[in-house]
PDB file of N, CA and C in Angstrom:
ATOM      1  N   MET A   1      11.805  42.564 -20.622  1.00  0.00           N
ATOM      2  CA  MET A   1      10.788  41.941 -20.402  1.00  0.00           C
ATOM      3  C   MET A   1      11.072  40.683 -19.773  1.00  0.00           C
ATOM      4  N   SER A   2      10.255  40.013 -18.641  1.00  0.00           N
ATOM      5  CA  SER A   2      10.623  39.130 -17.662  1.00  0.00           C
ATOM      6  C   SER A   2      10.035  37.748 -18.328  1.00  0.00           C
ATOM      7  N   ASN A   3      10.492  36.829 -18.137  1.00  0.00           N
ATOM      8  CA  ASN A   3      10.308  35.546 -18.544  1.00  0.00           C
ATOM      9  C   ASN A   3       9.534  34.714 -17.772  1.00  0.00           C
ATOM     10  N   LEU A   4       8.893  35.555 -16.524  1.00  0.00           N
ATOM     11  CA  LEU A   4       8.083  34.636 -15.726  1.00  0.00           C
ATOM     12  C   LEU A   4       6.588  34.627 -16.323  1.00  0.00           C
ATOM     13  N   LYS A   5       6.003  33.555 -16.199  1.00  0.00           N
ATOM     14  CA  LYS A   5       4.502  33.167 -16.452  1.00  0.00           C
ATOM     15  C   LYS A   5       3.736  33.320 -15.564  1.00  0.00           C
ATOM     16  N   SER A   6       2.438  33.533 -15.792  1.00  0.00           N
ATOM     17  CA  SER A   6       1.400  33.567 -14.758  1.00  0.00           C
ATOM     18  C   SER A   6       0.676  32.235 -14.172  1.00  0.00           C
ATOM     19  N   ARG A   7       1.171  31.235 -15.070  1.00  0.00           N
ATOM     20  CA  ARG A   7       0.883  30.042 -14.946  1.00  0.00           C
ATOM     21  C   ARG A   7       2.014  28.981 -14.931  1.00  0.00           C
ATOM     22  N   PRO A   8       1.874  27.716 -14.212  1.00  0.00           N
ATOM     23  CA  PRO A   8       2.868  26.865 -14.230  1.00  0.00           C
ATOM     24  C   PRO A   8       2.843  26.039 -15.818  1.00  0.00           C
ATOM     25  N   PRO A   9       4.072  25.649 -16.122  1.00  0.00           N
ATOM     26  CA  PRO A   9       4.072  25.248 -17.658  1.00  0.00           C
ATOM     27  C   PRO A   9       3.048  23.822 -17.731  1.00  0.00           C
ATOM     28  N   SER A  10       2.254  23.684 -18.644  1.00  0.00           N
ATOM     29  CA  SER A  10       1.434  22.609 -18.851  1.00  0.00           C
ATOM     30  C   SER A  10       2.406  21.416 -19.096  1.00  0.00           C
ATOM     31  N   LYS A  11       1.565  20.183 -18.839  1.00  0.00           N
ATOM     32  CA  LYS A  11       2.221  18.776 -19.093  1.00  0.00           C
ATOM     33  C   LYS A  11       2.102  18.656 -20.618  1.00  0.00           C
ATOM     34  N   PRO A  12       3.122  17.842 -21.232  1.00  0.00           N
ATOM     35  CA  PRO A  12       2.403  17.672 -22.678  1.00  0.00           C
ATOM     36  C   PRO A  12       1.565  16.779 -22.681  1.00  0.00           C
ATOM     37  N   LYS A  13       0.460  16.973 -23.926  1.00  0.00           N
ATOM     38  CA  LYS A  13      -0.627  16.305 -24.078  1.00  0.00           C
ATOM     39  C   LYS A  13       0.011  14.698 -24.331  1.00  0.00           C
ATOM     40  N   GLN A  14      -0.849  13.744 -23.956  1.00  0.00           N
ATOM     41  CA  GLN A  14      -0.425  12.499 -24.418  1.00  0.00           C
ATOM     42  C   GLN A  14      -1.334  11.939 -25.658  1.00  0.00           C
ATOM     43  N   ASP A  15      -0.782  11.418 -26.460  1.00  0.00           N
ATOM     44  CA  ASP A  15      -1.287  10.771 -27.777  1.00  0.00           C
ATOM     45  C   ASP A  15      -2.591  10.096 -27.232  1.00  0.00           C
ATOM     46  N   LEU A  16      -3.863  10.404 -27.573  1.00  0.00           N
ATOM     47  CA  LEU A  16      -5.055   9.754 -27.280  1.00  0.00           C
ATOM     48  C   LEU A  16      -5.244   8.317 -27.895  1.00  0.00           C
ATOM     49  N   ASP A  17      -4.847   8.192 -29.106  1.00  0.00           N
ATOM     50  CA  ASP A  17      -4.693   6.838 -29.420  1.00  0.00           C
ATOM     51  C   ASP A  17      -3.881   5.774 -28.735  1.00  0.00           C
ATOM     52  N   ALA A  18      -2.713   6.116 -28.215  1.00  0.00           N
ATOM     53  CA  ALA A  18      -2.010   5.341 -27.328  1.00  0.00           C
ATOM     54  C   ALA A  18      -2.637   5.328 -26.135  1.00  0.00           C
ATOM     55  N   PHE A  19      -3.402   6.240 -25.573  1.00  0.00           N
ATOM     56  CA  PHE A  19      -3.972   6.473 -24.300  1.00  0.00           C
ATOM     57  C   PHE A  19      -5.152   5.350 -24.222  1.00  0.00           C
ATOM     58  N   LEU A  20      -5.870   5.124 -25.316  1.00  0.00           N
ATOM     59  CA  LEU A  20      -7.011   4.193 -25.208  1.00  0.00           C
ATOM     60  C   LEU A  20      -6.681   3.055 -25.846  1.00  0.00           C
ATOM     61  N   SER A  21      -5.550   2.731 -26.625  1.00  0.00           N
ATOM     62  CA  SER A  21      -5.055   1.221 -26.803  1.00  0.00           C
ATOM     63  C   SER A  21      -4.606   0.709 -25.421  1.00  0.00           C
ATOM     64  N   GLY A  22      -4.093   1.433 -24.674  1.00  0.00           N
ATOM     65  CA  GLY A  22      -3.476   1.057 -23.317  1.00  0.00           C
ATOM     66  C   GLY A  22      -4.596   0.665 -22.463  1.00  0.00           C
ATOM     67  N   ALA A  23      -5.532   1.621 -22.568  1.00  0.00           N
ATOM     68  CA  ALA A  23      -6.743   1.393 -21.445  1.00  0.00           C
ATOM     69  C   ALA A  23      -7.484   0.064 -22.252  1.00  0.00           C
ATOM     70  N   GLU A  24      -7.623  -0.157 -23.514  1.00  0.00           N
ATOM     71  CA  GLU A  24      -8.059  -1.494 -24.007  1.00  0.00           C
ATOM     72  C   GLU A  24      -7.407  -2.721 -23.669  1.00  0.00           C
ATOM     73  N   SER A  25      -5.729  -2.701 -23.619  1.00  0.00           N
ATOM     74  CA  SER A  25      -5.232  -3.871 -23.221  1.00  0.00           C
ATOM     75  C   SER A  25      -5.445  -4.432 -22.101  1.00  0.00           C
ATOM     76  N   GLY A  26      -6.032  -3.514 -21.237  1.00  0.00           N
ATOM     77  CA  GLY A  26      -5.940  -4.038 -19.738  1.00  0.00           C
ATOM     78  C   GLY A  26      -7.403  -4.763 -19.569  1.00  0.00           C
ATOM     79  N   LYS A  27      -8.042  -4.607 -20.567  1.00  0.00           N
ATOM     80  CA  LYS A  27      -9.464  -5.307 -20.462  1.00  0.00           C
ATOM     81  C   LYS A  27      -9.766  -6.787 -21.356  1.00  0.00           C
ATOM     82  N   LYS A  28      -8.501  -7.312 -21.394  1.00  0.00           N
ATOM     83  CA  LYS A  28      -8.719  -8.566 -22.057  1.00  0.00           C
ATOM     84  C   LYS A  28      -9.181  -9.668 -21.200  1.00  0.00           C
ATOM     85  N   ASN A  29      -9.962 -10.552 -21.684  1.00  0.00           N
ATOM     86  CA  ASN A  29     -10.489 -11.879 -20.898  1.00  0.00           C
ATOM     87  C   ASN A  29      -9.396 -12.858 -21.060  1.00  0.00           C
ATOM     88  N   HIS A  30      -8.991 -13.169 -19.832  1.00  0.00           N
ATOM     89  CA  HIS A  30      -7.726 -14.330 -19.674  1.00  0.00           C
ATOM     90  C   HIS A  30      -8.453 -15.560 -19.094  1.00  0.00           C
ATOM     91  N   SER A  31      -8.420 -16.743 -19.888  1.00  0.00           N
ATOM     92  CA  SER A  31      -8.921 -18.046 -19.398  1.00  0.00           C
ATOM     93  C   SER A  31      -7.937 -18.443 -18.247  1.00  0.00           C
ATOM     94  N   PRO A  32      -8.521 -19.364 -17.313  1.00  0.00           N
ATOM     95  CA  PRO A  32      -7.531 -19.666 -16.268  1.00  0.00           C
ATOM     96  C   PRO A  32      -6.283 -20.238 -16.591  1.00  0.00           C
ATOM     97  N   ALA A  33      -6.260 -21.044 -17.938  1.00  0.00           N
ATOM     98  CA  ALA A  33      -4.972 -21.411 -18.261  1.00  0.00           C
ATOM     99  C   ALA A  33      -4.018 -20.370 -18.871  1.00  0.00           C
ATOM    100  N   ASP A  34      -4.528 -18.954 -19.164  1.00  0.00           N
ATOM    101  CA  ASP A  34      -3.572 -18.156 -19.430  1.00  0.00           C
ATOM    102  C   ASP A  34      -3.114 -17.046 -18.400  1.00  0.00           C
ATOM    103  N   ARG A  35      -3.334 -17.665 -17.277  1.00  0.00           N
ATOM    104  CA  ARG A  35      -3.121 -16.819 -15.860  1.00  0.00           C
ATOM    105  C   ARG A  35      -1.318 -16.817 -15.748  1.00  0.00           C
ATOM    106  N   VAL A  36      -0.858 -15.817 -15.375  1.00  0.00           N
ATOM    107  CA  VAL A  36       0.632 -15.949 -14.986  1.00  0.00           C
ATOM    108  C   VAL A  36       0.569 -15.604 -13.749  1.00  0.00           C
ATOM    109  N   GLU A  37       1.525 -16.130 -12.775  1.00  0.00           N
ATOM    110  CA  GLU A  37       1.602 -15.813 -11.532  1.00  0.00           C
ATOM    111  C   GLU A  37       1.456 -14.441 -11.332  1.00  0.00           C
ATOM    112  N   GLU A  38       1.007 -13.861 -10.460  1.00  0.00           N
ATOM    113  CA  GLU A  38       0.803 -12.713 -10.180  1.00  0.00           C
ATOM    114  C   GLU A  38       1.887 -12.028  -9.213  1.00  0.00           C
ATOM    115  N   THR A  39       2.757 -10.813  -9.503  1.00  0.00           N
ATOM    116  CA  THR A  39       3.850 -10.394  -8.392  1.00  0.00           C
ATOM    117  C   THR A  39       3.003  -9.214  -7.971  1.00  0.00           C
ATOM    118  N   TYR A  40       3.026  -9.395  -6.502  1.00  0.00           N
ATOM    119  CA  TYR A  40       2.421  -8.539  -5.474  1.00  0.00           C
ATOM    120  C   TYR A  40       3.399  -7.514  -5.263  1.00  0.00           C
ATOM    121  N   PRO A  41       2.952  -6.287  -4.975  1.00  0.00           N
ATOM    122  CA  PRO A  41       3.466  -5.224  -4.439  1.00  0.00           C
ATOM    123  C   PRO A  41       4.764  -5.630  -3.871  1.00  0.00           C
ATOM    124  N   TRP A  42       4.610  -6.443  -2.480  1.00  0.00           N
ATOM    125  CA  TRP A  42       5.733  -6.823  -1.388  1.00  0.00           C
ATOM    126  C   TRP A  42       6.616  -7.743  -1.866  1.00  0.00           C
ATOM    127  N   GLN A  43       6.314  -8.502  -3.156  1.00  0.00           N
ATOM    128  CA  GLN A  43       7.393  -9.338  -3.814  1.00  0.00           C
ATOM    129  C   GLN A  43       7.953  -8.729  -5.189  1.00  0.00           C
ATOM    130  N   GLU A  44       8.046  -7.414  -5.127  1.00  0.00           N
ATOM    131  CA  GLU A  44       8.892  -6.637  -6.239  1.00  0.00           C
ATOM    132  C   GLU A  44      10.115  -6.476  -6.076  1.00  0.00           C
ATOM    133  N   PRO A  45      11.038  -6.630  -6.943  1.00  0.00           N
ATOM    134  CA  PRO A  45      12.344  -6.556  -6.689  1.00  0.00           C
ATOM    135  C   PRO A  45      12.971  -5.062  -6.216  1.00  0.00           C
ATOM    136  N   GLY A  46      13.648  -5.273  -5.144  1.00  0.00           N
ATOM    137  CA  GLY A  46      13.891  -3.924  -4.633  1.00  0.00           C
ATOM    138  C   GLY A  46      13.158  -3.609  -3.233  1.00  0.00           C
ATOM    139  N   VAL A  47      12.098  -4.420  -2.838  1.00  0.00           N
ATOM    140  CA  VAL A  47      11.432  -4.238  -1.521  1.00  0.00           C
ATOM    141  C   VAL A  47      12.436  -5.335  -0.451  1.00  0.00           C
ATOM    142  N   ARG A  48      12.599  -4.196   0.377  1.00  0.00           N
ATOM    143  CA  ARG A  48      13.172  -4.968   1.494  1.00  0.00           C
ATOM    144  C   ARG A  48      13.044  -4.898   3.031  1.00  0.00           C
ATOM    145  N   SER A  49      13.198  -5.996   3.629  1.00  0.00           N
ATOM    146  CA  SER A  49      12.386  -6.239   4.883  1.00  0.00           C
ATOM    147  C   SER A  49      13.072  -5.691   6.065  1.00  0.00           C
ATOM    148  N   ASP A  50      14.338  -5.518   5.800  1.00  0.00           N
ATOM    149  CA  ASP A  50      14.903  -4.809   6.726  1.00  0.00           C
ATOM    150  C   ASP A  50      14.651  -3.250   6.808  1.00  0.00           C
ATOM    151  N   VAL A  51      13.960  -2.658   6.066  1.00  0.00           N
ATOM    152  CA  VAL A  51      13.513  -1.165   6.114  1.00  0.00           C
ATOM    153  C   VAL A  51      12.223  -1.331   6.549  1.00  0.00           C
ATOM    154  N   THR A  52      12.106  -0.343   7.483  1.00  0.00           N
ATOM    155  CA  THR A  52      10.715  -0.040   8.277  1.00  0.00           C
ATOM    156  C   THR A  52      10.358   1.377   7.723  1.00  0.00           C
ATOM    157  N   LYS A  53       8.853   1.323   7.650  1.00  0.00           N
ATOM    158  CA  LYS A  53       8.289   2.768   7.191  1.00  0.00           C
ATOM    159  C   LYS A  53       7.187   2.865   8.288  1.00  0.00           C
ATOM    160  N   ALA A  54       7.052   4.229   8.438  1.00  0.00           N
ATOM    161  CA  ALA A  54       6.012   4.574   9.814  1.00  0.00           C
ATOM    162  C   ALA A  54       4.617   4.522   8.808  1.00  0.00           C
ATOM    163  N   PHE A  55       3.683   4.329   9.808  1.00  0.00           N
ATOM    164  CA  PHE A  55       2.239   4.185   9.533  1.00  0.00           C
ATOM    165  C   PHE A  55       1.618   5.103  10.751  1.00  0.00           C
ATOM    166  N   ASN A  56       0.947   6.159  10.502  1.00  0.00           N
ATOM    167  CA  ASN A  56       0.332   6.713  11.813  1.00  0.00           C
ATOM    168  C   ASN A  56      -1.128   5.911  11.685  1.00  0.00           C
ATOM    169  N   LEU A  57      -1.857   5.535  12.983  1.00  0.00           N
ATOM    170  CA  LEU A  57      -2.881   5.417  13.101  1.00  0.00           C
ATOM    171  C   LEU A  57      -3.459   6.052  14.461  1.00  0.00           C
ATOM    172  N   ARG A  58      -5.012   6.461  13.847  1.00  0.00           N
ATOM    173  CA  ARG A  58      -5.821   7.174  14.770  1.00  0.00           C
ATOM    174  C   ARG A  58      -6.563   6.447  15.566  1.00  0.00           C
ATOM    175  N   LEU A  59      -6.384   6.572  16.603  1.00  0.00           N
ATOM    176  CA  LEU A  59      -7.457   5.585  17.923  1.00  0.00           C
ATOM    177  C   LEU A  59      -8.200   6.944  18.631  1.00  0.00           C
ATOM    178  N   SER A  60      -9.312   6.283  19.056  1.00  0.00           N
ATOM    179  CA  SER A  60     -10.030   7.063  20.001  1.00  0.00           C
ATOM    180  C   SER A  60      -9.464   6.744  21.393  1.00  0.00           C
ATOM    181  N   GLU A  61      -9.901   7.856  22.106  1.00  0.00           N
ATOM    182  CA  GLU A  61      -9.104   8.116  23.225  1.00  0.00           C
ATOM    183  C   GLU A  61      -9.042   6.638  24.014  1.00  0.00           C
ATOM    184  N   PRO A  62     -10.428   6.030  24.206  1.00  0.00           N
ATOM    185  CA  PRO A  62     -10.642   4.652  25.147  1.00  0.00           C
ATOM    186  C   PRO A  62      -9.752   3.633  24.560  1.00  0.00           C
ATOM    187  N   TYR A  63      -9.352   3.651  23.168  1.00  0.00           N
ATOM    188  CA  TYR A  63      -8.531   2.384  22.763  1.00  0.00           C
ATOM    189  C   TYR A  63      -7.277   2.974  23.000  1.00  0.00           C
ATOM    190  N   LEU A  64      -6.634   4.261  22.909  1.00  0.00           N
ATOM    191  CA  LEU A  64      -5.262   4.573  23.289  1.00  0.00           C
ATOM    192  C   LEU A  64      -4.771   4.187  24.694  1.00  0.00           C
ATOM    193  N   LEU A  65      -6.025   4.424  25.447  1.00  0.00           N
ATOM    194  CA  LEU A  65      -5.892   4.097  27.046  1.00  0.00           C
ATOM    195  C   LEU A  65      -5.765   2.842  27.537  1.00  0.00           C
ATOM    196  N   LYS A  66      -6.654   1.742  26.535  1.00  0.00           N
ATOM    197  CA  LYS A  66      -6.479   0.413  26.607  1.00  0.00           C
ATOM    198  C   LYS A  66      -4.991  -0.133  26.104  1.00  0.00           C
ATOM    199  N   LEU A  67      -4.843   0.569  25.001  1.00  0.00           N
ATOM    200  CA  LEU A  67      -3.232   0.333  24.428  1.00  0.00           C
ATOM    201  C   LEU A  67      -2.115   0.489  25.455  1.00  0.00           C
ATOM    202  N   ARG A  68      -2.221   1.764  26.105  1.00  0.00           N
ATOM    203  CA  ARG A  68      -1.370   2.249  27.163  1.00  0.00           C
ATOM    204  C   ARG A  68      -1.268   1.109  28.318  1.00  0.00           C
ATOM    205  N   TYR A  69      -2.663   0.540  28.830  1.00  0.00           N
ATOM    206  CA  TYR A  69      -2.663  -0.234  29.673  1.00  0.00           C
ATOM    207  C   TYR A  69      -2.108  -1.637  29.586  1.00  0.00           C
ATOM    208  N   ILE A  70      -2.420  -2.311  28.052  1.00  0.00           N
ATOM    209  CA  ILE A  70      -1.606  -3.483  27.874  1.00  0.00           C
ATOM    210  C   ILE A  70      -0.217  -3.178  27.729  1.00  0.00           C
ATOM    211  N   GLY A  71       0.289  -2.106  27.570  1.00  0.00           N
ATOM    212  CA  GLY A  71       1.716  -1.963  27.424  1.00  0.00           C
ATOM    213  C   GLY A  71       2.392  -1.681  28.678  1.00  0.00           C
ATOM    214  N   GLU A  72       1.581  -1.418  29.687  1.00  0.00           N
ATOM    215  CA  GLU A  72       2.077  -1.366  31.194  1.00  0.00           C
ATOM    216  C   GLU A  72       2.104  -2.537  31.794  1.00  0.00           C
ATOM    217  N   HIS A  73       1.013  -3.526  31.363  1.00  0.00           N
ATOM    218  CA  HIS A  73       0.885  -4.404  32.025  1.00  0.00           C
ATOM    219  C   HIS A  73       1.332  -5.970  31.545  1.00  0.00           C
ATOM    220  N   THR A  74       2.057  -5.799  30.454  1.00  0.00           N
ATOM    221  CA  THR A  74       2.453  -7.043  29.615  1.00  0.00           C
ATOM    222  C   THR A  74       4.098  -6.639  29.417  1.00  0.00           C
ATOM    223  N   PRO A  75       4.788  -7.552  28.846  1.00  0.00           N
ATOM    224  CA  PRO A  75       6.135  -7.668  28.546  1.00  0.00           C
ATOM    225  C   PRO A  75       6.512  -6.563  27.424  1.00  0.00           C
ATOM    226  N   ASP A  76       5.087  -6.611  26.587  1.00  0.00           N
ATOM    227  CA  ASP A  76       5.244  -6.097  25.407  1.00  0.00           C
ATOM    228  C   ASP A  76       4.984  -4.546  25.121  1.00  0.00           C
ATOM    229  N   SER A  77       5.798  -3.856  24.588  1.00  0.00           N
ATOM    230  CA  SER A  77       5.846  -2.369  24.455  1.00  0.00           C
ATOM    231  C   SER A  77       4.247  -2.298  23.632  1.00  0.00           C
ATOM    232  N   MET A  78       3.737  -0.965  23.610  1.00  0.00           N
ATOM    233  CA  MET A  78       2.591  -0.768  22.761  1.00  0.00           C
ATOM    234  C   MET A  78       2.954  -1.007  21.460  1.00  0.00           C
ATOM    235  N   GLN A  79       4.223  -0.784  20.913  1.00  0.00           N
ATOM    236  CA  GLN A  79       4.593  -0.943  19.602  1.00  0.00           C
ATOM    237  C   GLN A  79       4.570  -2.362  19.286  1.00  0.00           C
ATOM    238  N   GLN A  80       5.419  -2.973  20.255  1.00  0.00           N
ATOM    239  CA  GLN A  80       5.406  -4.477  19.823  1.00  0.00           C
ATOM    240  C   GLN A  80       4.118  -5.307  19.835  1.00  0.00           C
ATOM    241  N   PHE A  81       3.290  -4.790  20.713  1.00  0.00           N
ATOM    242  CA  PHE A  81       2.032  -5.604  20.701  1.00  0.00           C
ATOM    243  C   PHE A  81       1.190  -5.122  19.739  1.00  0.00           C
ATOM    244  N   CYS A  82       1.118  -3.890  18.922  1.00  0.00           N
ATOM    245  CA  CYS A  82       0.500  -3.573  17.775  1.00  0.00           C
ATOM    246  C   CYS A  82       1.143  -4.168  16.713  1.00  0.00           C
ATOM    247  N   LEU A  83       2.393  -4.299  16.543  1.00  0.00           N
ATOM    248  CA  LEU A  83       3.124  -4.901  15.395  1.00  0.00           C
ATOM    249  C   LEU A  83       2.742  -6.317  15.177  1.00  0.00           C
ATOM    250  N   ARG A  84       2.916  -6.924  16.389  1.00  0.00           N
ATOM    251  CA  ARG A  84       2.458  -8.412  16.358  1.00  0.00           C
ATOM    252  C   ARG A  84       1.149  -8.771  15.861  1.00  0.00           C
ATOM    253  N   VAL A  85       0.195  -8.237  16.336  1.00  0.00           N
ATOM    254  CA  VAL A  85      -0.977  -8.240  16.419  1.00  0.00           C
ATOM    255  C   VAL A  85      -1.460  -7.926  14.747  1.00  0.00           C
ATOM    256  N   LEU A  86      -0.845  -6.675  14.426  1.00  0.00           N
ATOM    257  CA  LEU A  86      -1.343  -6.095  13.099  1.00  0.00           C
ATOM    258  C   LEU A  86      -0.727  -6.945  11.976  1.00  0.00           C
ATOM    259  N   GLN A  87       0.572  -7.562  12.108  1.00  0.00           N
ATOM    260  CA  GLN A  87       1.162  -8.287  11.138  1.00  0.00           C
ATOM    261  C   GLN A  87       0.350  -9.567  11.058  1.00  0.00           C
ATOM    262  N   GLU A  88       0.142 -10.198  11.921  1.00  0.00           N
ATOM    263  CA  GLU A  88      -0.673 -11.506  12.025  1.00  0.00           C
ATOM    264  C   GLU A  88      -2.135 -11.224  11.192  1.00  0.00           C
ATOM    265  N   ALA A  89      -2.887 -10.162  11.476  1.00  0.00           N
ATOM    266  CA  ALA A  89      -3.797 -10.005  10.762  1.00  0.00           C
ATOM    267  C   ALA A  89      -3.847  -9.530   9.365  1.00  0.00           C
ATOM    268  N   ILE A  90      -2.678  -8.878   9.163  1.00  0.00           N
ATOM    269  CA  ILE A  90      -2.294  -8.401   7.568  1.00  0.00           C
ATOM    270  C   ILE A  90      -2.208  -9.928   6.917  1.00  0.00           C
ATOM    271  N   ASP A  91      -1.015 -10.757   7.277  1.00  0.00           N
ATOM    272  CA  ASP A  91      -0.925 -12.004   6.912  1.00  0.00           C
ATOM    273  C   ASP A  91      -2.279 -12.879   6.605  1.00  0.00           C
ATOM    274  N   ASN A  92      -3.119 -12.733   7.519  1.00  0.00           N
ATOM    275  CA  ASN A  92      -4.628 -13.902   7.272  1.00  0.00           C
ATOM    276  C   ASN A  92      -5.102 -12.739   6.315  1.00  0.00           C
ATOM    277  N   LYS A  93      -5.388 -11.876   6.373  1.00  0.00           N
ATOM    278  CA  LYS A  93      -6.190 -11.125   5.153  1.00  0.00           C
ATOM    279  C   LYS A  93      -5.652 -11.339   3.681  1.00  0.00           C
ATOM    280  N   ILE A  94      -4.209 -11.214   3.674  1.00  0.00           N
ATOM    281  CA  ILE A  94      -3.649 -11.495   2.222  1.00  0.00           C
ATOM    282  C   ILE A  94      -3.675 -12.959   2.043  1.00  0.00           C
ATOM    283  N   ASN A  95      -3.783 -13.772   2.904  1.00  0.00           N
ATOM    284  CA  ASN A  95      -4.131 -15.247   2.440  1.00  0.00           C
ATOM    285  C   ASN A  95      -5.342 -15.342   1.981  1.00  0.00           C
ATOM    286  N   ASP A  96      -6.331 -14.787   2.602  1.00  0.00           N
ATOM    287  CA  ASP A  96      -7.647 -14.990   2.102  1.00  0.00           C
ATOM    288  C   ASP A  96      -7.934 -14.189   0.665  1.00  0.00           C
ATOM    289  N   LEU A  97      -7.158 -13.017   0.511  1.00  0.00           N
ATOM    290  CA  LEU A  97      -7.531 -12.171  -0.674  1.00  0.00           C
ATOM    291  C   LEU A  97      -6.587 -12.715  -1.821  1.00  0.00           C
ATOM    292  N   THR A  98      -5.468 -13.635  -1.702  1.00  0.00           N
ATOM    293  CA  THR A  98      -4.691 -14.024  -2.848  1.00  0.00           C
ATOM    294  C   THR A  98      -4.987 -15.768  -2.997  1.00  0.00           C
ATOM    295  N   LYS A  99      -6.011 -16.372  -2.334  1.00  0.00           N
ATOM    296  CA  LYS A  99      -6.282 -17.590  -2.591  1.00  0.00           C
ATOM    297  C   LYS A  99      -6.793 -18.098  -4.062  1.00  0.00           C
TER     298      LYS A  99
END
């Protein structure tokens, strides 16, 4: 007889009390004096500024053509232009969100 099963193995069931107590622990009301400096994802140990990750961006055809025009008529490539503008916008938004 084969050991093959018709469905994948199920994950072990989590202890319901542990799950609920964990959910409740996140709901504590903290006073401003209790605040601990928040560590943001980009500040976590192991995050490296020398590692680059790809991010796809969907542009409408007119905006892609505009971006190509910028790349052809300025010293910046399309990539350099987008990276400079996007990083500045991200930093500004992060400053607004983390004040």
